[in-house]
Amino acid sequence: MKNERLRVYAWEFPVRFTHWINVLCVLTLSITGFYIGNPFIHAISSKQYIMGWMRFIHFIAAYTFMMSIIIRLYWAFMGNRYASYRVWFPFSSRKLRDIADAIKFYLFIIRKPPYAVGHTALAGVVYFILFLIFLFQIVSGFAMYSLNHSGKIWILLGGWVTGVMHLQTIRLFHHLGMYVILAYALLHIYMAWYADLKERNGLMGSIFSGYKFVTGKEWE
């Protein structure tokens, strides 16, 4: 039938789990990180421990975020084709055309959606860049944290960066990275909503259930 759709299990549990863990961590890290850099709540009593709690929550979220990224990178090699690291490198001639068409679609130049069961070619490139930013945020965060700690583990996690950049430069880039990630989050919500509206394949719901409803247009 012309309008028949096939229910496909695209997003496995580790992909969905790390996605939402990352969402919570990014929000928590952004709020606490902004406060650490520019305190907007002031203590009125010596018994209050606002900065201490903000730093504690920031550190817990940072460790959680790091573990989530490790799990997702592991699943990029162990998961299904839609979770594979290969989608991050769409550099064939056809994929490059798909990227150009996807950009035109989101800019309202063309009406044809970038059909794909998993990530589109454009999404693959964007996620690769995003993961590089995530890794920089983790390493730069540990670089600043390592100043108050000694040991090879702290040097390995990020302390070595202080030998490459000035501390204030690391702090600046770490802060700017937060704004880049937040800007991406807004763009990501728009792109997912708009694609779902045009394709009507359950894209928004798939990050909860894992399932998309696709036609022959999505299959390679």
N, C-alpha and C. Protein backbone atom coordinates (compact mmCIF):
# COMPACT_ATOMS: atom_id res chain seq x y z
N MET A 1 0.84 -1.19 0.00
CA MET A 1 0.00 0.00 0.00
C MET A 1 0.88 1.25 0.00
N LYS A 2 0.38 2.31 -0.60
CA LYS A 2 1.15 3.53 -0.78
C LYS A 2 1.53 4.16 0.55
N ASN A 3 0.60 4.18 1.50
CA ASN A 3 0.84 4.86 2.78
C ASN A 3 1.25 3.90 3.90
N GLU A 4 1.58 2.65 3.54
CA GLU A 4 1.94 1.68 4.55
C GLU A 4 3.27 2.06 5.18
N ARG A 5 3.33 1.95 6.49
CA ARG A 5 4.55 2.29 7.23
C ARG A 5 5.02 1.10 8.05
N LEU A 6 6.32 0.96 8.13
CA LEU A 6 6.93 -0.14 8.84
C LEU A 6 7.48 0.35 10.18
N ARG A 7 7.19 -0.36 11.26
CA ARG A 7 7.66 -0.01 12.59
C ARG A 7 9.07 -0.55 12.76
N VAL A 8 10.03 0.34 12.92
CA VAL A 8 11.45 -0.04 12.99
C VAL A 8 12.03 0.37 14.33
N TYR A 9 12.78 -0.54 14.96
CA TYR A 9 13.45 -0.25 16.22
C TYR A 9 14.78 0.42 15.90
N ALA A 10 14.78 1.74 15.90
CA ALA A 10 15.97 2.50 15.50
C ALA A 10 16.91 2.78 16.67
N TRP A 11 16.36 3.33 17.75
CA TRP A 11 17.19 3.78 18.87
C TRP A 11 17.16 2.76 20.00
N GLU A 12 18.27 2.09 20.19
CA GLU A 12 18.37 1.10 21.27
C GLU A 12 18.42 1.79 22.63
N PHE A 13 18.19 1.02 23.68
CA PHE A 13 18.11 1.60 25.02
C PHE A 13 19.33 2.42 25.42
N PRO A 14 20.57 1.94 25.19
CA PRO A 14 21.73 2.76 25.57
C PRO A 14 21.76 4.13 24.88
N VAL A 15 21.28 4.21 23.66
CA VAL A 15 21.24 5.48 22.94
C VAL A 15 20.23 6.42 23.59
N ARG A 16 19.05 5.89 23.89
CA ARG A 16 18.01 6.71 24.52
C ARG A 16 18.41 7.10 25.94
N PHE A 17 18.98 6.15 26.68
CA PHE A 17 19.38 6.39 28.06
C PHE A 17 20.43 7.50 28.14
N THR A 18 21.49 7.39 27.34
CA THR A 18 22.55 8.40 27.38
C THR A 18 22.05 9.74 26.85
N HIS A 19 21.11 9.71 25.92
CA HIS A 19 20.55 10.97 25.40
C HIS A 19 19.92 11.78 26.53
N TRP A 20 19.08 11.13 27.33
CA TRP A 20 18.38 11.86 28.39
C TRP A 20 19.28 12.16 29.59
N ILE A 21 20.25 11.29 29.83
CA ILE A 21 21.24 11.60 30.87
C ILE A 21 22.03 12.84 30.46
N ASN A 22 22.39 12.92 29.19
CA ASN A 22 23.12 14.09 28.70
C ASN A 22 22.28 15.36 28.82
N VAL A 23 20.99 15.25 28.53
CA VAL A 23 20.10 16.41 28.66
C VAL A 23 20.11 16.93 30.10
N LEU A 24 19.91 16.02 31.04
CA LEU A 24 19.88 16.42 32.45
C LEU A 24 21.23 16.98 32.90
N CYS A 25 22.30 16.34 32.46
CA CYS A 25 23.63 16.80 32.86
C CYS A 25 23.96 18.17 32.28
N VAL A 26 23.63 18.38 31.02
CA VAL A 26 23.91 19.67 30.38
C VAL A 26 23.17 20.79 31.10
N LEU A 27 21.90 20.56 31.42
CA LEU A 27 21.13 21.57 32.14
C LEU A 27 21.73 21.85 33.53
N THR A 28 22.06 20.78 34.24
CA THR A 28 22.63 20.92 35.58
C THR A 28 23.99 21.60 35.54
N LEU A 29 24.84 21.17 34.61
CA LEU A 29 26.17 21.75 34.49
C LEU A 29 26.12 23.21 34.06
N SER A 30 25.15 23.55 33.20
CA SER A 30 25.03 24.94 32.74
C SER A 30 24.61 25.87 33.87
N ILE A 31 23.61 25.44 34.63
CA ILE A 31 23.11 26.29 35.73
C ILE A 31 24.18 26.45 36.81
N THR A 32 24.74 25.33 37.24
CA THR A 32 25.75 25.40 38.31
C THR A 32 27.04 26.05 37.81
N GLY A 33 27.42 25.78 36.56
CA GLY A 33 28.62 26.37 36.02
C GLY A 33 28.50 27.87 35.87
N PHE A 34 27.33 28.32 35.42
CA PHE A 34 27.11 29.76 35.30
C PHE A 34 27.19 30.42 36.68
N TYR A 35 26.64 29.74 37.69
CA TYR A 35 26.70 30.30 39.04
C TYR A 35 28.14 30.36 39.56
N ILE A 36 28.90 29.29 39.30
CA ILE A 36 30.29 29.27 39.76
C ILE A 36 31.07 30.43 39.15
N GLY A 37 30.81 30.70 37.88
CA GLY A 37 31.52 31.78 37.20
C GLY A 37 30.99 33.16 37.54
N ASN A 38 29.69 33.23 37.86
CA ASN A 38 29.06 34.52 38.15
C ASN A 38 27.96 34.31 39.18
N PRO A 39 28.31 34.23 40.46
CA PRO A 39 27.30 33.93 41.50
C PRO A 39 26.14 34.92 41.49
N PHE A 40 24.93 34.39 41.33
CA PHE A 40 23.75 35.26 41.28
C PHE A 40 22.87 35.09 42.51
N ILE A 41 23.30 34.26 43.47
CA ILE A 41 22.62 34.11 44.75
C ILE A 41 23.67 34.34 45.83
N HIS A 42 23.39 35.23 46.76
CA HIS A 42 24.38 35.57 47.78
C HIS A 42 23.94 35.05 49.15
N ALA A 43 24.89 34.51 49.88
CA ALA A 43 24.61 34.01 51.22
C ALA A 43 24.38 35.17 52.18
N ILE A 44 23.43 35.00 53.08
CA ILE A 44 23.15 36.03 54.08
C ILE A 44 23.50 35.52 55.48
N SER A 45 24.01 34.30 55.52
CA SER A 45 24.39 33.71 56.80
C SER A 45 25.65 32.87 56.60
N SER A 46 26.48 32.82 57.64
CA SER A 46 27.70 32.02 57.57
C SER A 46 27.40 30.53 57.54
N LYS A 47 26.16 30.15 57.86
CA LYS A 47 25.77 28.74 57.85
C LYS A 47 25.39 28.26 56.46
N GLN A 48 25.16 29.19 55.56
CA GLN A 48 24.80 28.82 54.20
C GLN A 48 26.05 28.37 53.43
N TYR A 49 25.83 27.46 52.50
CA TYR A 49 26.94 26.84 51.77
C TYR A 49 26.59 26.77 50.30
N ILE A 50 26.16 27.91 49.76
CA ILE A 50 25.62 27.94 48.40
C ILE A 50 26.67 27.55 47.37
N MET A 51 27.82 28.22 47.39
CA MET A 51 28.87 27.91 46.42
C MET A 51 29.36 26.48 46.56
N GLY A 52 29.47 26.02 47.79
CA GLY A 52 29.90 24.65 48.02
C GLY A 52 28.95 23.64 47.41
N TRP A 53 27.64 23.86 47.61
CA TRP A 53 26.65 22.95 47.03
C TRP A 53 26.65 23.02 45.51
N MET A 54 26.78 24.23 44.97
CA MET A 54 26.82 24.38 43.52
C MET A 54 28.01 23.63 42.93
N ARG A 55 29.16 23.75 43.56
CA ARG A 55 30.34 23.05 43.08
C ARG A 55 30.17 21.53 43.22
N PHE A 56 29.59 21.10 44.34
CA PHE A 56 29.38 19.67 44.55
C PHE A 56 28.45 19.10 43.48
N ILE A 57 27.33 19.78 43.23
CA ILE A 57 26.39 19.32 42.20
C ILE A 57 27.04 19.34 40.83
N HIS A 58 27.85 20.37 40.57
CA HIS A 58 28.54 20.48 39.28
C HIS A 58 29.49 19.30 39.08
N PHE A 59 30.21 18.93 40.13
CA PHE A 59 31.15 17.82 40.02
C PHE A 59 30.43 16.49 39.82
N ILE A 60 29.34 16.28 40.56
CA ILE A 60 28.58 15.03 40.41
C ILE A 60 28.03 14.92 38.99
N ALA A 61 27.46 16.02 38.46
CA ALA A 61 26.93 16.03 37.10
C ALA A 61 28.05 15.81 36.08
N ALA A 62 29.25 16.35 36.37
CA ALA A 62 30.38 16.20 35.46
C ALA A 62 30.81 14.74 35.36
N TYR A 63 30.91 14.06 36.51
CA TYR A 63 31.28 12.65 36.50
C TYR A 63 30.21 11.82 35.78
N THR A 64 28.94 12.13 36.04
CA THR A 64 27.84 11.42 35.38
C THR A 64 27.88 11.63 33.88
N PHE A 65 28.13 12.87 33.47
CA PHE A 65 28.22 13.21 32.05
C PHE A 65 29.37 12.46 31.39
N MET A 66 30.51 12.40 32.05
CA MET A 66 31.66 11.68 31.50
C MET A 66 31.33 10.20 31.29
N MET A 67 30.69 9.58 32.28
CA MET A 67 30.34 8.16 32.15
C MET A 67 29.32 7.94 31.04
N SER A 68 28.39 8.88 30.88
CA SER A 68 27.39 8.77 29.82
C SER A 68 28.05 8.83 28.45
N ILE A 69 29.02 9.72 28.29
CA ILE A 69 29.74 9.83 27.02
C ILE A 69 30.54 8.57 26.74
N ILE A 70 31.17 8.01 27.78
CA ILE A 70 31.93 6.77 27.61
C ILE A 70 31.01 5.64 27.15
N ILE A 71 29.83 5.54 27.77
CA ILE A 71 28.86 4.49 27.39
C ILE A 71 28.42 4.68 25.95
N ARG A 72 28.13 5.94 25.58
CA ARG A 72 27.66 6.20 24.21
C ARG A 72 28.74 5.90 23.18
N LEU A 73 29.99 6.25 23.49
CA LEU A 73 31.08 5.94 22.57
C LEU A 73 31.29 4.43 22.45
N TYR A 74 31.14 3.73 23.56
CA TYR A 74 31.24 2.27 23.52
C TYR A 74 30.13 1.69 22.64
N TRP A 75 28.92 2.25 22.79
CA TRP A 75 27.80 1.73 22.01
C TRP A 75 27.90 2.10 20.54
N ALA A 76 28.71 3.10 20.22
CA ALA A 76 28.93 3.46 18.82
C ALA A 76 29.65 2.34 18.08
N PHE A 77 30.31 1.45 18.82
CA PHE A 77 31.00 0.31 18.22
C PHE A 77 30.24 -0.99 18.42
N MET A 78 29.38 -1.04 19.45
CA MET A 78 28.70 -2.29 19.78
C MET A 78 27.22 -2.29 19.43
N GLY A 79 26.64 -1.13 19.12
CA GLY A 79 25.21 -1.03 18.87
C GLY A 79 24.84 -1.35 17.43
N ASN A 80 23.59 -1.10 17.10
CA ASN A 80 23.11 -1.37 15.75
C ASN A 80 23.62 -0.32 14.76
N ARG A 81 23.23 -0.43 13.50
CA ARG A 81 23.76 0.44 12.46
C ARG A 81 23.38 1.91 12.67
N TYR A 82 22.28 2.13 13.37
CA TYR A 82 21.82 3.51 13.58
C TYR A 82 22.59 4.19 14.71
N ALA A 83 23.24 3.40 15.56
CA ALA A 83 24.05 3.96 16.64
C ALA A 83 25.53 4.00 16.27
N SER A 84 25.89 3.43 15.14
CA SER A 84 27.29 3.24 14.77
C SER A 84 28.03 4.55 14.56
N TYR A 85 29.32 4.53 14.89
CA TYR A 85 30.20 5.68 14.67
C TYR A 85 30.32 6.02 13.19
N ARG A 86 29.99 5.08 12.32
CA ARG A 86 30.14 5.31 10.88
C ARG A 86 29.24 6.43 10.38
N VAL A 87 28.12 6.67 11.07
CA VAL A 87 27.22 7.75 10.62
C VAL A 87 27.83 9.12 10.88
N TRP A 88 28.91 9.18 11.68
CA TRP A 88 29.55 10.47 11.97
C TRP A 88 30.50 10.90 10.85
N PHE A 89 30.71 10.02 9.87
CA PHE A 89 31.66 10.34 8.79
C PHE A 89 31.01 10.14 7.42
N PRO A 90 30.00 10.94 7.12
CA PRO A 90 29.26 10.80 5.85
C PRO A 90 29.95 11.59 4.73
N PHE A 91 31.07 11.08 4.25
CA PHE A 91 31.86 11.86 3.30
C PHE A 91 31.86 11.29 1.88
N SER A 92 30.93 10.39 1.59
CA SER A 92 30.79 9.95 0.20
C SER A 92 30.09 11.05 -0.58
N SER A 93 30.17 10.98 -1.91
CA SER A 93 29.55 12.01 -2.75
C SER A 93 28.05 12.09 -2.53
N ARG A 94 27.41 10.92 -2.38
CA ARG A 94 25.95 10.92 -2.16
C ARG A 94 25.61 11.53 -0.81
N LYS A 95 26.40 11.19 0.22
CA LYS A 95 26.14 11.73 1.55
C LYS A 95 26.35 13.24 1.59
N LEU A 96 27.33 13.72 0.86
CA LEU A 96 27.57 15.16 0.81
C LEU A 96 26.39 15.87 0.14
N ARG A 97 25.80 15.23 -0.88
CA ARG A 97 24.60 15.81 -1.49
C ARG A 97 23.44 15.79 -0.50
N ASP A 98 23.36 14.72 0.30
CA ASP A 98 22.30 14.64 1.32
C ASP A 98 22.44 15.75 2.35
N ILE A 99 23.68 16.07 2.72
CA ILE A 99 23.92 17.15 3.68
C ILE A 99 23.43 18.47 3.10
N ALA A 100 23.78 18.72 1.85
CA ALA A 100 23.36 19.97 1.20
C ALA A 100 21.83 20.05 1.12
N ASP A 101 21.18 18.94 0.78
CA ASP A 101 19.71 18.92 0.68
C ASP A 101 19.07 19.12 2.04
N ALA A 102 19.66 18.54 3.08
CA ALA A 102 19.11 18.70 4.43
C ALA A 102 19.20 20.15 4.88
N ILE A 103 20.32 20.79 4.60
CA ILE A 103 20.47 22.21 4.97
C ILE A 103 19.43 23.05 4.24
N LYS A 104 19.20 22.75 2.96
CA LYS A 104 18.19 23.49 2.20
C LYS A 104 16.80 23.27 2.78
N PHE A 105 16.54 22.03 3.25
CA PHE A 105 15.24 21.72 3.83
C PHE A 105 14.99 22.53 5.09
N TYR A 106 15.97 22.56 5.99
CA TYR A 106 15.79 23.29 7.25
C TYR A 106 15.79 24.80 7.07
N LEU A 107 16.29 25.26 5.93
CA LEU A 107 16.26 26.69 5.62
C LEU A 107 15.06 27.06 4.75
N PHE A 108 14.14 26.09 4.57
CA PHE A 108 12.89 26.30 3.81
C PHE A 108 13.14 26.58 2.32
N ILE A 109 14.27 26.11 1.80
CA ILE A 109 14.56 26.29 0.37
C ILE A 109 13.90 25.20 -0.45
N ILE A 110 13.88 23.97 0.09
CA ILE A 110 13.19 22.87 -0.56
C ILE A 110 12.22 22.25 0.44
N ARG A 111 11.26 21.48 -0.03
CA ARG A 111 10.24 20.90 0.85
C ARG A 111 10.47 19.44 1.15
N LYS A 112 11.36 18.78 0.41
CA LYS A 112 11.58 17.35 0.61
C LYS A 112 12.37 17.10 1.88
N PRO A 113 11.84 16.36 2.84
CA PRO A 113 12.56 16.08 4.10
C PRO A 113 13.75 15.17 3.86
N PRO A 114 14.75 15.22 4.73
CA PRO A 114 15.92 14.34 4.60
C PRO A 114 15.60 12.96 5.18
N TYR A 115 14.89 12.13 4.41
CA TYR A 115 14.45 10.83 4.91
C TYR A 115 15.61 9.97 5.37
N ALA A 116 15.46 9.38 6.55
CA ALA A 116 16.47 8.46 7.09
C ALA A 116 15.85 7.70 8.25
N VAL A 117 16.18 6.43 8.38
CA VAL A 117 15.70 5.64 9.51
C VAL A 117 16.42 6.10 10.77
N GLY A 118 17.75 6.23 10.69
CA GLY A 118 18.54 6.71 11.81
C GLY A 118 18.88 8.18 11.63
N HIS A 119 20.13 8.50 11.82
CA HIS A 119 20.58 9.88 11.66
C HIS A 119 20.74 10.22 10.18
N THR A 120 20.39 11.43 9.82
CA THR A 120 20.67 11.90 8.47
C THR A 120 22.17 12.18 8.36
N ALA A 121 22.64 12.40 7.13
CA ALA A 121 24.06 12.70 6.92
C ALA A 121 24.44 13.99 7.65
N LEU A 122 23.55 14.98 7.62
CA LEU A 122 23.82 16.24 8.31
C LEU A 122 23.91 16.02 9.82
N ALA A 123 22.99 15.23 10.35
CA ALA A 123 23.00 14.94 11.79
C ALA A 123 24.29 14.22 12.19
N GLY A 124 24.77 13.32 11.32
CA GLY A 124 26.00 12.60 11.61
C GLY A 124 27.18 13.53 11.80
N VAL A 125 27.33 14.50 10.90
CA VAL A 125 28.42 15.47 11.00
C VAL A 125 28.27 16.33 12.25
N VAL A 126 27.05 16.79 12.50
CA VAL A 126 26.79 17.64 13.66
C VAL A 126 27.09 16.90 14.96
N TYR A 127 26.68 15.63 15.04
CA TYR A 127 26.93 14.86 16.26
C TYR A 127 28.41 14.61 16.47
N PHE A 128 29.15 14.42 15.39
CA PHE A 128 30.59 14.22 15.52
C PHE A 128 31.25 15.48 16.12
N ILE A 129 30.87 16.65 15.61
CA ILE A 129 31.39 17.90 16.14
C ILE A 129 30.95 18.09 17.59
N LEU A 130 29.69 17.74 17.87
CA LEU A 130 29.16 17.89 19.23
C LEU A 130 29.93 17.03 20.22
N PHE A 131 30.24 15.79 19.82
CA PHE A 131 30.97 14.91 20.72
C PHE A 131 32.38 15.43 20.96
N LEU A 132 32.98 16.07 19.97
CA LEU A 132 34.29 16.68 20.18
C LEU A 132 34.19 17.80 21.21
N ILE A 133 33.11 18.59 21.13
CA ILE A 133 32.89 19.66 22.11
C ILE A 133 32.66 19.06 23.49
N PHE A 134 31.85 17.98 23.56
CA PHE A 134 31.63 17.30 24.84
C PHE A 134 32.97 16.86 25.46
N LEU A 135 33.82 16.25 24.63
CA LEU A 135 35.10 15.77 25.13
C LEU A 135 35.97 16.92 25.61
N PHE A 136 35.94 18.05 24.88
CA PHE A 136 36.71 19.20 25.32
C PHE A 136 36.19 19.72 26.65
N GLN A 137 34.88 19.77 26.82
CA GLN A 137 34.30 20.25 28.07
C GLN A 137 34.73 19.36 29.24
N ILE A 138 34.75 18.06 29.00
CA ILE A 138 35.16 17.14 30.06
C ILE A 138 36.63 17.33 30.41
N VAL A 139 37.48 17.37 29.38
CA VAL A 139 38.92 17.49 29.61
C VAL A 139 39.26 18.85 30.23
N SER A 140 38.67 19.92 29.70
CA SER A 140 38.97 21.26 30.25
C SER A 140 38.45 21.40 31.68
N GLY A 141 37.31 20.76 31.96
CA GLY A 141 36.78 20.79 33.32
C GLY A 141 37.73 20.11 34.29
N PHE A 142 38.25 18.95 33.90
CA PHE A 142 39.20 18.25 34.76
C PHE A 142 40.54 18.99 34.82
N ALA A 143 40.86 19.74 33.78
CA ALA A 143 42.09 20.54 33.82
C ALA A 143 42.02 21.56 34.95
N MET A 144 40.88 22.23 35.07
CA MET A 144 40.72 23.21 36.15
C MET A 144 40.62 22.51 37.51
N TYR A 145 39.97 21.37 37.54
CA TYR A 145 39.79 20.62 38.78
C TYR A 145 41.12 20.06 39.29
N SER A 146 42.04 19.75 38.35
CA SER A 146 43.30 19.12 38.71
C SER A 146 44.23 20.06 39.47
N LEU A 147 43.95 21.36 39.44
CA LEU A 147 44.82 22.32 40.13
C LEU A 147 44.84 22.09 41.63
N ASN A 148 43.75 21.54 42.16
CA ASN A 148 43.66 21.29 43.60
C ASN A 148 43.90 19.83 43.95
N HIS A 149 44.39 19.05 42.97
CA HIS A 149 44.62 17.63 43.21
C HIS A 149 45.97 17.23 42.64
N SER A 150 46.51 16.19 43.18
CA SER A 150 47.78 15.67 42.68
C SER A 150 47.62 14.19 42.35
N GLY A 151 48.41 13.73 41.43
CA GLY A 151 48.32 12.34 41.03
C GLY A 151 48.24 12.21 39.52
N LYS A 152 48.68 11.06 39.01
CA LYS A 152 48.71 10.84 37.58
C LYS A 152 47.31 10.79 36.96
N ILE A 153 46.32 10.32 37.73
CA ILE A 153 44.97 10.22 37.19
C ILE A 153 44.43 11.59 36.80
N TRP A 154 44.75 12.61 37.61
CA TRP A 154 44.24 13.95 37.32
C TRP A 154 44.98 14.57 36.14
N ILE A 155 46.26 14.24 36.00
CA ILE A 155 47.01 14.70 34.84
C ILE A 155 46.45 14.06 33.57
N LEU A 156 46.13 12.77 33.65
CA LEU A 156 45.59 12.05 32.51
C LEU A 156 44.22 12.57 32.10
N LEU A 157 43.36 12.83 33.09
CA LEU A 157 42.00 13.27 32.79
C LEU A 157 41.93 14.67 32.21
N GLY A 158 42.91 15.52 32.51
CA GLY A 158 42.84 16.88 31.97
C GLY A 158 43.94 17.81 32.43
N GLY A 159 44.69 17.39 33.43
CA GLY A 159 45.73 18.26 33.95
C GLY A 159 46.78 18.64 32.92
N TRP A 160 46.99 17.75 31.94
CA TRP A 160 47.99 18.02 30.90
C TRP A 160 47.64 19.25 30.06
N VAL A 161 46.37 19.62 30.03
CA VAL A 161 45.95 20.77 29.22
C VAL A 161 46.55 22.07 29.76
N THR A 162 46.79 22.13 31.06
CA THR A 162 47.37 23.35 31.66
C THR A 162 48.78 23.60 31.16
N GLY A 163 49.39 22.60 30.57
CA GLY A 163 50.70 22.78 29.97
C GLY A 163 50.63 23.23 28.53
N VAL A 164 49.41 23.26 27.99
CA VAL A 164 49.20 23.67 26.60
C VAL A 164 48.55 25.05 26.52
N MET A 165 47.63 25.33 27.45
CA MET A 165 46.90 26.60 27.47
C MET A 165 47.05 27.26 28.83
N HIS A 166 46.92 28.57 28.84
CA HIS A 166 46.85 29.29 30.10
C HIS A 166 45.53 28.94 30.80
N LEU A 167 45.54 28.96 32.09
CA LEU A 167 44.36 28.59 32.86
C LEU A 167 43.15 29.45 32.49
N GLN A 168 43.35 30.74 32.35
CA GLN A 168 42.24 31.63 32.03
C GLN A 168 41.67 31.34 30.64
N THR A 169 42.54 30.91 29.71
CA THR A 169 42.08 30.53 28.38
C THR A 169 41.22 29.27 28.44
N ILE A 170 41.66 28.31 29.26
CA ILE A 170 40.88 27.08 29.45
C ILE A 170 39.51 27.42 30.03
N ARG A 171 39.50 28.28 31.04
CA ARG A 171 38.25 28.68 31.68
C ARG A 171 37.33 29.38 30.68
N LEU A 172 37.91 30.25 29.85
CA LEU A 172 37.11 30.97 28.86
C LEU A 172 36.49 30.02 27.85
N PHE A 173 37.28 29.11 27.29
CA PHE A 173 36.77 28.17 26.30
C PHE A 173 35.75 27.21 26.92
N HIS A 174 35.98 26.83 28.17
CA HIS A 174 35.03 25.96 28.87
C HIS A 174 33.69 26.67 29.03
N HIS A 175 33.75 27.95 29.34
CA HIS A 175 32.53 28.74 29.50
C HIS A 175 31.82 28.93 28.16
N LEU A 176 32.59 29.24 27.11
CA LEU A 176 32.00 29.43 25.79
C LEU A 176 31.40 28.12 25.25
N GLY A 177 32.04 27.01 25.61
CA GLY A 177 31.52 25.71 25.18
C GLY A 177 30.11 25.47 25.68
N MET A 178 29.82 25.97 26.89
CA MET A 178 28.47 25.84 27.45
C MET A 178 27.45 26.53 26.55
N TYR A 179 27.76 27.73 26.08
CA TYR A 179 26.83 28.46 25.23
C TYR A 179 26.65 27.78 23.87
N VAL A 180 27.73 27.21 23.34
CA VAL A 180 27.63 26.49 22.07
C VAL A 180 26.70 25.29 22.22
N ILE A 181 26.84 24.55 23.31
CA ILE A 181 26.00 23.36 23.54
C ILE A 181 24.54 23.76 23.73
N LEU A 182 24.29 24.83 24.48
CA LEU A 182 22.91 25.29 24.68
C LEU A 182 22.29 25.78 23.38
N ALA A 183 23.08 26.46 22.54
CA ALA A 183 22.59 26.90 21.24
C ALA A 183 22.26 25.70 20.37
N TYR A 184 23.12 24.68 20.41
CA TYR A 184 22.84 23.46 19.66
C TYR A 184 21.55 22.80 20.13
N ALA A 185 21.34 22.77 21.45
CA ALA A 185 20.14 22.13 22.00
C ALA A 185 18.88 22.76 21.45
N LEU A 186 18.85 24.08 21.37
CA LEU A 186 17.68 24.77 20.81
C LEU A 186 17.51 24.43 19.34
N LEU A 187 18.62 24.40 18.60
CA LEU A 187 18.56 24.06 17.17
C LEU A 187 18.14 22.61 16.98
N HIS A 188 18.61 21.75 17.85
CA HIS A 188 18.27 20.33 17.78
C HIS A 188 16.77 20.11 17.97
N ILE A 189 16.18 20.81 18.93
CA ILE A 189 14.74 20.68 19.18
C ILE A 189 13.95 21.15 17.96
N TYR A 190 14.37 22.28 17.39
CA TYR A 190 13.68 22.79 16.19
C TYR A 190 13.78 21.80 15.03
N MET A 191 14.99 21.29 14.76
CA MET A 191 15.18 20.40 13.62
C MET A 191 14.40 19.10 13.78
N ALA A 192 14.39 18.55 15.00
CA ALA A 192 13.66 17.30 15.25
C ALA A 192 12.15 17.53 15.11
N TRP A 193 11.67 18.64 15.65
CA TRP A 193 10.24 18.94 15.57
C TRP A 193 9.81 19.18 14.12
N TYR A 194 10.60 19.95 13.38
CA TYR A 194 10.24 20.28 11.99
C TYR A 194 10.29 19.04 11.11
N ALA A 195 11.31 18.20 11.28
CA ALA A 195 11.42 16.97 10.49
C ALA A 195 10.26 16.02 10.81
N ASP A 196 9.91 15.92 12.09
CA ASP A 196 8.80 15.05 12.49
C ASP A 196 7.48 15.55 11.90
N LEU A 197 7.33 16.87 11.87
CA LEU A 197 6.11 17.47 11.33
C LEU A 197 5.95 17.15 9.85
N LYS A 198 7.06 17.15 9.12
CA LYS A 198 7.00 16.91 7.68
C LYS A 198 7.00 15.43 7.32
N GLU A 199 7.78 14.64 8.04
CA GLU A 199 7.88 13.22 7.71
C GLU A 199 6.75 12.40 8.34
N ARG A 200 6.25 12.85 9.50
CA ARG A 200 5.19 12.15 10.24
C ARG A 200 5.57 10.68 10.48
N ASN A 201 6.76 10.50 11.03
CA ASN A 201 7.27 9.14 11.26
C ASN A 201 7.52 8.84 12.73
N GLY A 202 7.02 9.71 13.61
CA GLY A 202 7.20 9.46 15.04
C GLY A 202 8.59 9.77 15.54
N LEU A 203 9.28 10.70 14.88
CA LEU A 203 10.66 11.02 15.26
C LEU A 203 10.77 11.50 16.70
N MET A 204 9.91 12.42 17.11
CA MET A 204 9.98 12.96 18.46
C MET A 204 9.71 11.89 19.51
N GLY A 205 8.76 11.01 19.21
CA GLY A 205 8.43 9.95 20.15
C GLY A 205 9.45 8.83 20.18
N SER A 206 10.24 8.71 19.11
CA SER A 206 11.18 7.60 19.01
C SER A 206 12.30 7.68 20.05
N ILE A 207 12.61 8.88 20.54
CA ILE A 207 13.67 8.99 21.53
C ILE A 207 13.18 8.51 22.90
N PHE A 208 11.87 8.27 23.03
CA PHE A 208 11.29 7.67 24.24
C PHE A 208 11.09 6.17 24.04
N SER A 209 10.50 5.79 22.89
CA SER A 209 10.17 4.39 22.65
C SER A 209 11.24 3.62 21.90
N GLY A 210 12.00 4.32 21.08
CA GLY A 210 13.01 3.67 20.24
C GLY A 210 12.52 3.34 18.85
N TYR A 211 11.20 3.43 18.64
CA TYR A 211 10.61 3.01 17.37
C TYR A 211 10.24 4.20 16.48
N LYS A 212 10.50 4.03 15.16
CA LYS A 212 10.05 4.98 14.16
C LYS A 212 9.16 4.25 13.17
N PHE A 213 8.31 5.00 12.49
CA PHE A 213 7.40 4.44 11.51
C PHE A 213 7.82 4.96 10.14
N VAL A 214 8.42 4.09 9.34
CA VAL A 214 9.08 4.53 8.12
C VAL A 214 8.45 3.90 6.88
N THR A 215 8.71 4.54 5.76
CA THR A 215 8.29 4.03 4.46
C THR A 215 9.54 3.64 3.68
N GLY A 216 9.36 3.27 2.43
CA GLY A 216 10.50 2.90 1.60
C GLY A 216 11.46 4.04 1.33
N LYS A 217 11.03 5.27 1.57
CA LYS A 217 11.88 6.43 1.28
C LYS A 217 13.10 6.47 2.19
N GLU A 218 12.98 5.89 3.39
CA GLU A 218 14.08 5.97 4.34
C GLU A 218 15.17 4.94 4.11
N TRP A 219 14.85 3.84 3.42
CA TRP A 219 15.80 2.75 3.30
C TRP A 219 16.87 3.06 2.26
N GLU A 220 18.09 2.72 2.58
CA GLU A 220 19.19 2.94 1.66
C GLU A 220 19.30 1.75 0.71
